[in-house]
Amino acid sequence: MFTTRAEVALHGMYEISKVLAIPARLETTLSNVLTLLSSFLDMSHGLIALLDENGDPNIVVGSGWSATNTKSHFDRLPQLAIGQIVATKMPLVVENVASDPLFEDWIAAEEWSGKPRISFIGVPIKDRDKVVGTLTIDRISDGRTSFRFDEDVQFLAMIANLVGQTVRLHDIINRDRQRLMGEQRRLEKELSETVRPSRDAGGQMGGIVGESEAIHSVLEKIKVVARSNSTVLLRGESGTGKELFARATHDLSERKKGPFIKLNCAVLPESVLESELFGHEKGAFTGAVTQCKGRFELAHGGTLFLDEIGEISPSFQAKLLRVLQEGEFERVGGMKTIKVNVRLGSSAEKDELDAELADLKRRG
């Protein structure tokens, strides 16, 4: 049981600070503050008004606030009294609103017609030295109850300080949210422009010509695939432009500044293919008069496109597997392990690849 006004005020500040710490819509939080305030202070009504940049009331909240009764709280606001509090940045105490010119046009005064006199207390809500709102209460002075206006003003001023800090925090959070949303929109736009195929007149992109839904569908898939570092297999009949799509994938990837090296696996015998891909040392075979880098070395930091990869033998595929898994190999006739960072793209005719897959399934 609290025995002094100081204890009541201290407990009131503690309970109200807990309400202010609960995440909720600002209007709901302020309304809950006023409801709780009435438990610690003799009052009939309470209002919290927040001001916009021009100093006009922007948000007005009373006990029991809801989105549907917002106008009633605005109507109850004593505009002249609020204006004086904002202008002076000082509390305002009026013991009898009926005899004060600040309340001549106050609509809420009609409620008290024929009743004992009404007193009013208002304090500024500040953000540092700037007034961002007001906290006001009105009460019935029936002559039987004595009020210590100085103590009530002090208590309300402390509550207004807590409210001011909460309003400032909400404002910071809202600005940060707007900033982050703007940054997100900027990054999304920048990303879309980065991965968007650069088309010239006629709907071309690196030699790819077409405006059909099928072409657009493939280009959209390329934009997605280009962001990753995965190995890409392009399937399609001969002459459908698989190399063009491989080049587009490279140009839209993070490796676009690196080399794009290509090799047709179908036109080379396996012995020559190994030298072409991995390179060879001087004297590795007849005619190897100098050291020669292979396509994997030449494609370091970029993309290596192997056309018609379905033509290579299973034994040579095992050699390729090591490069894909470990990123390393040795030149033909060499002992030194060479490490490379290469993205592999490849192509195969659809019918040919389907036949090989069917053959593998038959083998078990």
Protein backbone atom coordinates (compact mmCIF):
# COMPACT_ATOMS: atom_id res chain seq x y z
CA MET A 1 0.00 0.00 0.00
CA PHE A 2 1.46 3.37 -1.04
CA THR A 3 1.38 5.98 1.72
CA THR A 4 2.85 9.08 0.06
CA ARG A 5 2.33 10.91 -3.23
CA ALA A 6 5.99 10.31 -4.06
CA GLU A 7 5.52 6.54 -3.80
CA VAL A 8 2.41 6.69 -5.96
CA ALA A 9 4.26 8.75 -8.58
CA LEU A 10 7.24 6.41 -8.56
CA HIS A 11 5.03 3.35 -8.98
CA GLY A 12 3.05 5.13 -11.71
CA MET A 13 6.19 5.93 -13.68
CA TYR A 14 7.35 2.32 -13.34
CA GLU A 15 4.06 0.88 -14.64
CA ILE A 16 3.81 3.39 -17.48
CA SER A 17 7.42 2.73 -18.52
CA LYS A 18 6.51 -0.96 -18.88
CA VAL A 19 3.59 -0.04 -21.16
CA LEU A 20 5.85 2.15 -23.28
CA ALA A 21 8.34 -0.72 -23.68
CA ILE A 22 5.77 -3.07 -25.25
CA PRO A 23 6.05 -3.16 -29.08
CA ALA A 24 2.76 -1.89 -30.51
CA ARG A 25 1.27 0.76 -32.75
CA LEU A 26 2.16 4.18 -31.33
CA GLU A 27 -1.47 5.30 -30.95
CA THR A 28 -2.36 2.13 -29.05
CA THR A 29 0.63 2.57 -26.72
CA LEU A 30 -0.27 6.19 -25.94
CA SER A 31 -3.91 5.28 -25.31
CA ASN A 32 -2.80 2.58 -22.86
CA VAL A 33 -0.60 5.15 -21.10
CA LEU A 34 -3.61 7.42 -20.54
CA THR A 35 -5.75 4.54 -19.30
CA LEU A 36 -3.05 3.58 -16.79
CA LEU A 37 -2.47 7.23 -15.86
CA SER A 38 -6.05 7.54 -14.64
CA SER A 39 -5.24 4.88 -12.03
CA PHE A 40 -2.60 7.10 -10.44
CA LEU A 41 -4.06 10.55 -11.00
CA ASP A 42 -7.50 12.02 -10.32
CA MET A 43 -8.67 12.91 -13.85
CA SER A 44 -11.77 12.76 -16.00
CA HIS A 45 -10.19 12.72 -19.46
CA GLY A 46 -6.69 12.72 -20.88
CA LEU A 47 -5.29 13.52 -24.30
CA ILE A 48 -1.89 13.14 -25.94
CA ALA A 49 -1.41 15.26 -29.05
CA LEU A 50 1.63 14.84 -31.31
CA LEU A 51 2.58 17.62 -33.70
CA ASP A 52 3.77 17.59 -37.30
CA GLU A 53 6.68 19.59 -38.70
CA ASN A 54 4.47 22.70 -38.91
CA GLY A 55 3.47 22.47 -35.26
CA ASP A 56 -0.10 21.34 -35.99
CA PRO A 57 -1.70 18.34 -34.22
CA ASN A 58 -1.04 15.28 -36.34
CA ILE A 59 -1.99 12.48 -33.93
CA VAL A 60 -4.47 12.92 -31.07
CA VAL A 61 -5.06 10.00 -28.74
CA GLY A 62 -7.31 9.56 -25.72
CA SER A 63 -8.25 6.65 -23.49
CA GLY A 64 -9.97 3.94 -25.50
CA TRP A 65 -8.51 5.18 -28.79
CA SER A 66 -9.34 3.24 -31.96
CA ALA A 67 -9.05 3.93 -35.65
CA THR A 68 -12.82 4.56 -35.82
CA ASN A 69 -13.03 7.20 -33.06
CA THR A 70 -9.97 9.27 -34.00
CA LYS A 71 -12.08 12.32 -34.96
CA SER A 72 -13.73 12.50 -31.54
CA HIS A 73 -10.33 12.92 -29.88
CA PHE A 74 -9.37 15.69 -32.32
CA ASP A 75 -12.66 17.47 -31.57
CA ARG A 76 -11.96 17.33 -27.84
CA LEU A 77 -8.57 19.05 -28.18
CA PRO A 78 -8.45 22.61 -26.70
CA GLN A 79 -6.61 24.26 -29.57
CA LEU A 80 -5.85 27.63 -27.89
CA ALA A 81 -4.52 26.01 -24.73
CA ILE A 82 -2.39 23.61 -26.77
CA GLY A 83 -1.04 26.54 -28.77
CA GLN A 84 0.08 28.32 -25.60
CA ILE A 85 1.84 25.23 -24.24
CA VAL A 86 3.70 24.78 -27.54
CA ALA A 87 4.61 28.47 -27.81
CA THR A 88 5.86 28.85 -24.23
CA LYS A 89 7.25 25.30 -23.89
CA MET A 90 5.89 25.47 -20.34
CA PRO A 91 3.12 23.65 -18.41
CA LEU A 92 -0.32 25.25 -18.26
CA VAL A 93 -2.63 25.05 -15.24
CA VAL A 94 -6.19 26.41 -15.35
CA GLU A 95 -8.25 25.94 -12.19
CA ASN A 96 -11.55 26.88 -13.85
CA VAL A 97 -11.85 26.59 -17.62
CA ALA A 98 -15.22 28.38 -17.59
CA SER A 99 -13.55 31.70 -16.78
CA ASP A 100 -10.49 31.33 -19.01
CA PRO A 101 -10.51 32.76 -22.58
CA LEU A 102 -8.31 29.90 -23.79
CA PHE A 103 -11.35 27.61 -23.50
CA GLU A 104 -14.05 29.86 -24.97
CA ASP A 105 -14.43 27.69 -28.06
CA TRP A 106 -13.66 24.37 -26.40
CA ILE A 107 -16.36 21.95 -27.56
CA ALA A 108 -15.73 19.54 -24.67
CA ALA A 109 -16.76 22.25 -22.17
CA GLU A 110 -20.38 21.66 -23.21
CA GLU A 111 -20.22 18.31 -21.39
CA TRP A 112 -19.72 20.12 -18.09
CA SER A 113 -22.65 22.53 -18.44
CA GLY A 114 -24.37 22.86 -15.04
CA LYS A 115 -21.70 20.81 -13.29
CA PRO A 116 -18.99 21.86 -10.81
CA ARG A 117 -16.02 23.70 -12.23
CA ILE A 118 -13.48 21.94 -14.45
CA SER A 119 -9.72 22.32 -14.05
CA PHE A 120 -7.11 21.68 -16.72
CA ILE A 121 -3.43 20.72 -16.66
CA GLY A 122 -1.22 20.49 -19.75
CA VAL A 123 2.50 19.81 -20.12
CA PRO A 124 4.73 19.81 -23.22
CA ILE A 125 6.18 16.63 -24.68
CA LYS A 126 9.71 17.39 -25.82
CA ASP A 127 12.38 15.84 -27.99
CA ARG A 128 15.46 17.52 -26.58
CA ASP A 129 14.46 21.21 -26.66
CA LYS A 130 11.78 20.89 -29.33
CA VAL A 131 8.11 20.52 -28.37
CA VAL A 132 6.72 17.54 -30.32
CA GLY A 133 3.40 17.23 -28.51
CA THR A 134 1.34 17.82 -25.37
CA LEU A 135 -0.08 15.74 -22.54
CA THR A 136 -3.26 17.22 -21.07
CA ILE A 137 -5.88 16.20 -18.50
CA ASP A 138 -9.10 17.72 -17.23
CA ARG A 139 -10.86 16.99 -13.93
CA ILE A 140 -13.91 17.97 -11.92
CA SER A 141 -13.22 20.29 -9.00
CA ASP A 142 -16.23 19.79 -6.75
CA GLY A 143 -14.79 21.56 -3.71
CA ARG A 144 -14.69 18.39 -1.63
CA THR A 145 -11.37 17.22 -3.01
CA SER A 146 -8.17 19.21 -2.68
CA PHE A 147 -5.57 18.98 -5.44
CA ARG A 148 -1.86 19.71 -5.33
CA PHE A 149 -1.44 21.15 -8.79
CA ASP A 150 2.32 21.52 -8.41
CA GLU A 151 2.72 17.80 -7.63
CA ASP A 152 0.39 16.81 -10.49
CA VAL A 153 2.31 19.00 -12.93
CA GLN A 154 5.59 17.46 -11.82
CA PHE A 155 4.20 13.94 -12.21
CA LEU A 156 2.74 14.69 -15.66
CA ALA A 157 6.03 16.30 -16.75
CA MET A 158 7.91 13.11 -15.87
CA ILE A 159 5.38 11.00 -17.81
CA ALA A 160 5.68 13.43 -20.74
CA ASN A 161 9.46 12.90 -20.72
CA LEU A 162 8.96 9.14 -20.99
CA VAL A 163 6.45 9.62 -23.81
CA GLY A 164 8.84 11.98 -25.60
CA GLN A 165 11.58 9.35 -25.55
CA THR A 166 9.17 6.75 -26.92
CA VAL A 167 7.97 9.08 -29.69
CA ARG A 168 11.58 9.82 -30.62
CA LEU A 169 12.40 6.10 -30.71
CA HIS A 170 9.38 5.39 -32.94
CA ASP A 171 10.47 8.20 -35.24
CA ILE A 172 14.00 6.77 -35.48
CA ILE A 173 12.66 3.30 -36.20
CA ASN A 174 10.30 4.63 -38.89
CA ARG A 175 13.10 6.60 -40.55
CA ASP A 176 15.38 3.55 -40.48
CA ARG A 177 12.58 1.42 -41.91
CA GLN A 178 12.02 3.89 -44.73
CA ARG A 179 15.76 4.11 -45.36
CA LEU A 180 16.11 0.31 -45.47
CA MET A 181 13.09 -0.05 -47.74
CA GLY A 182 14.54 2.58 -50.05
CA GLU A 183 17.90 0.81 -50.02
CA GLN A 184 16.19 -2.50 -50.75
CA ARG A 185 14.36 -0.99 -53.72
CA ARG A 186 17.61 0.54 -54.97
CA LEU A 187 19.48 -2.78 -54.70
CA GLU A 188 16.66 -4.68 -56.38
CA LYS A 189 16.68 -2.18 -59.24
CA GLU A 190 20.47 -2.33 -59.48
CA LEU A 191 20.42 -6.13 -59.46
CA SER A 192 17.72 -6.31 -62.11
CA GLU A 193 19.71 -3.92 -64.30
CA THR A 194 22.87 -5.95 -63.75
CA VAL A 195 21.36 -9.28 -64.75
CA ARG A 196 18.92 -7.91 -67.34
CA PRO A 197 19.91 -9.05 -70.85
CA SER A 198 21.21 -6.08 -72.82
CA ARG A 199 19.02 -6.14 -75.92
CA ASP A 200 19.55 -4.02 -79.00
CA ALA A 201 16.95 -3.20 -81.65
CA GLY A 202 15.16 -6.33 -82.74
CA GLY A 203 15.34 -8.01 -79.34
CA GLN A 204 18.96 -9.20 -79.65
CA MET A 205 21.30 -10.19 -76.87
CA GLY A 206 24.80 -11.19 -77.87
CA GLY A 207 23.53 -12.56 -81.18
CA ILE A 208 20.37 -14.13 -79.73
CA VAL A 209 17.45 -12.90 -81.82
CA GLY A 210 13.82 -13.48 -80.96
CA GLU A 211 10.76 -12.17 -79.16
CA SER A 212 8.90 -15.44 -78.64
CA GLU A 213 7.78 -16.68 -75.24
CA ALA A 214 10.23 -19.58 -75.54
CA ILE A 215 13.21 -17.24 -76.06
CA HIS A 216 12.15 -15.02 -73.18
CA SER A 217 11.72 -18.06 -70.95
CA VAL A 218 15.27 -19.27 -71.70
CA LEU A 219 16.70 -15.77 -71.12
CA GLU A 220 14.96 -15.56 -67.73
CA LYS A 221 16.48 -18.92 -66.76
CA ILE A 222 19.91 -17.69 -67.88
CA LYS A 223 19.61 -14.64 -65.61
CA VAL A 224 18.99 -16.93 -62.63
CA VAL A 225 21.72 -19.44 -63.52
CA ALA A 226 24.26 -16.69 -64.18
CA ARG A 227 24.18 -15.62 -60.52
CA SER A 228 25.50 -18.99 -59.35
CA ASN A 229 28.82 -20.72 -59.99
CA SER A 230 27.28 -24.05 -60.94
CA THR A 231 28.24 -26.12 -63.95
CA VAL A 232 25.75 -25.60 -66.78
CA LEU A 233 24.57 -28.18 -69.33
CA LEU A 234 22.74 -26.86 -72.41
CA ARG A 235 20.61 -29.38 -74.28
CA GLY A 236 19.24 -28.86 -77.76
CA GLU A 237 19.37 -29.92 -81.35
CA SER A 238 22.33 -28.95 -83.50
CA GLY A 239 22.13 -25.37 -84.77
CA THR A 240 19.88 -24.03 -82.01
CA GLY A 241 22.56 -21.64 -80.69
CA LYS A 242 23.71 -23.40 -77.53
CA GLU A 243 27.04 -21.58 -77.64
CA LEU A 244 25.28 -18.20 -77.79
CA PHE A 245 23.34 -19.01 -74.65
CA ALA A 246 26.53 -20.22 -72.95
CA ARG A 247 28.19 -16.92 -73.84
CA ALA A 248 25.17 -15.00 -72.49
CA THR A 249 25.42 -16.93 -69.21
CA HIS A 250 29.08 -15.91 -68.92
CA ASP A 251 28.40 -12.25 -69.80
CA LEU A 252 25.72 -11.99 -67.09
CA SER A 253 27.80 -13.69 -64.39
CA GLU A 254 30.39 -12.33 -61.97
CA ARG A 255 33.02 -13.87 -64.26
CA LYS A 256 32.11 -11.59 -67.18
CA LYS A 257 35.49 -9.80 -66.97
CA GLY A 258 37.29 -13.16 -67.22
CA PRO A 259 37.95 -15.15 -70.40
CA PHE A 260 35.33 -17.17 -72.25
CA ILE A 261 37.14 -20.19 -73.79
CA LYS A 262 35.35 -22.72 -76.00
CA LEU A 263 36.25 -26.10 -77.47
CA ASN A 264 34.32 -28.52 -79.66
CA CYS A 265 34.90 -31.99 -78.25
CA ALA A 266 33.39 -33.79 -81.23
CA VAL A 267 36.05 -32.82 -83.78
CA LEU A 268 39.13 -33.99 -81.83
CA PRO A 269 40.45 -37.48 -81.08
CA GLU A 270 40.79 -38.26 -77.38
CA SER A 271 44.61 -37.99 -77.32
CA VAL A 272 44.50 -34.54 -78.85
CA LEU A 273 41.53 -33.53 -76.67
CA GLU A 274 43.52 -34.23 -73.51
CA SER A 275 46.34 -31.98 -74.66
CA GLU A 276 43.91 -29.27 -75.72
CA LEU A 277 42.17 -29.24 -72.34
CA PHE A 278 45.06 -29.80 -69.92
CA GLY A 279 48.03 -28.59 -71.98
CA HIS A 280 51.36 -30.43 -72.35
CA GLU A 281 55.00 -30.15 -71.37
CA LYS A 282 57.85 -29.86 -73.84
CA GLY A 283 58.73 -33.32 -75.18
CA ALA A 284 55.55 -34.96 -73.86
CA PHE A 285 54.98 -36.49 -77.31
CA THR A 286 56.32 -36.24 -80.84
CA GLY A 287 55.90 -32.68 -82.03
CA ALA A 288 55.63 -31.17 -78.54
CA VAL A 289 58.57 -28.82 -79.03
CA THR A 290 57.39 -26.24 -76.48
CA GLN A 291 55.30 -26.13 -73.32
CA CYS A 292 51.66 -25.37 -74.08
CA LYS A 293 48.83 -24.25 -71.77
CA GLY A 294 45.52 -26.04 -72.09
CA ARG A 295 42.02 -24.58 -72.26
CA PHE A 296 41.48 -24.98 -68.51
CA GLU A 297 44.50 -22.76 -67.77
CA LEU A 298 43.49 -20.24 -70.38
CA ALA A 299 39.97 -20.06 -68.88
CA HIS A 300 41.22 -19.41 -65.31
CA GLY A 301 38.90 -16.87 -63.65
CA GLY A 302 36.34 -17.25 -66.43
CA THR A 303 34.26 -19.85 -68.22
CA LEU A 304 35.20 -22.90 -70.30
CA PHE A 305 32.52 -24.05 -72.73
CA LEU A 306 32.81 -27.63 -74.02
CA ASP A 307 30.57 -28.14 -77.03
CA GLU A 308 29.26 -31.64 -77.78
CA ILE A 309 30.54 -33.02 -74.48
CA GLY A 310 28.48 -36.15 -75.05
CA GLU A 311 31.06 -37.30 -77.63
CA ILE A 312 33.86 -37.92 -75.07
CA SER A 313 34.46 -41.41 -73.71
CA PRO A 314 33.57 -42.50 -70.14
CA SER A 315 37.29 -42.90 -69.32
CA PHE A 316 38.00 -39.31 -70.30
CA GLN A 317 34.96 -38.13 -68.35
CA ALA A 318 36.67 -39.47 -65.22
CA LYS A 319 39.61 -37.13 -65.88
CA LEU A 320 37.21 -34.23 -66.23
CA LEU A 321 35.54 -35.18 -62.97
CA ARG A 322 38.73 -34.55 -61.01
CA VAL A 323 38.99 -31.03 -62.40
CA LEU A 324 35.36 -30.34 -61.58
CA GLN A 325 35.65 -31.66 -58.03
CA GLU A 326 39.13 -30.53 -57.04
CA GLY A 327 39.89 -27.76 -59.50
CA GLU A 328 43.30 -29.25 -60.29
CA PHE A 329 45.08 -31.30 -62.98
CA GLU A 330 48.50 -32.00 -64.51
CA ARG A 331 49.62 -31.16 -68.02
CA VAL A 332 50.26 -34.08 -70.37
CA GLY A 333 53.80 -35.27 -69.65
CA GLY A 334 54.04 -33.13 -66.50
CA MET A 335 54.16 -33.85 -62.76
CA LYS A 336 53.23 -30.41 -61.39
CA THR A 337 49.67 -30.05 -60.14
CA ILE A 338 47.97 -26.95 -61.47
CA LYS A 339 44.97 -25.42 -59.71
CA VAL A 340 42.41 -23.37 -61.63
CA ASN A 341 39.18 -21.53 -60.92
CA VAL A 342 36.96 -22.22 -63.89
CA ARG A 343 33.23 -22.43 -64.41
CA LEU A 344 32.36 -25.20 -66.83
CA GLY A 345 29.61 -24.90 -69.40
CA SER A 346 28.81 -27.70 -71.79
CA SER A 347 26.32 -28.69 -74.43
CA ALA A 348 24.96 -31.88 -75.92
CA GLU A 349 22.34 -32.72 -78.49
CA LYS A 350 19.11 -33.63 -76.74
CA ASP A 351 18.46 -36.90 -78.56
CA GLU A 352 22.05 -38.03 -78.12
CA LEU A 353 22.01 -37.29 -74.39
CA ASP A 354 18.67 -39.02 -73.90
CA ALA A 355 20.08 -42.11 -75.60
CA GLU A 356 23.12 -42.15 -73.30
CA LEU A 357 20.95 -41.80 -70.22
CA ALA A 358 18.73 -44.65 -71.37
CA ASP A 359 21.84 -46.80 -71.94
CA LEU A 360 23.11 -46.07 -68.43
CA LYS A 361 19.74 -47.06 -66.96
CA ARG A 362 19.83 -50.36 -68.84
CA ARG A 363 23.28 -51.09 -67.41
CA GLY A 364 21.87 -50.72 -63.97
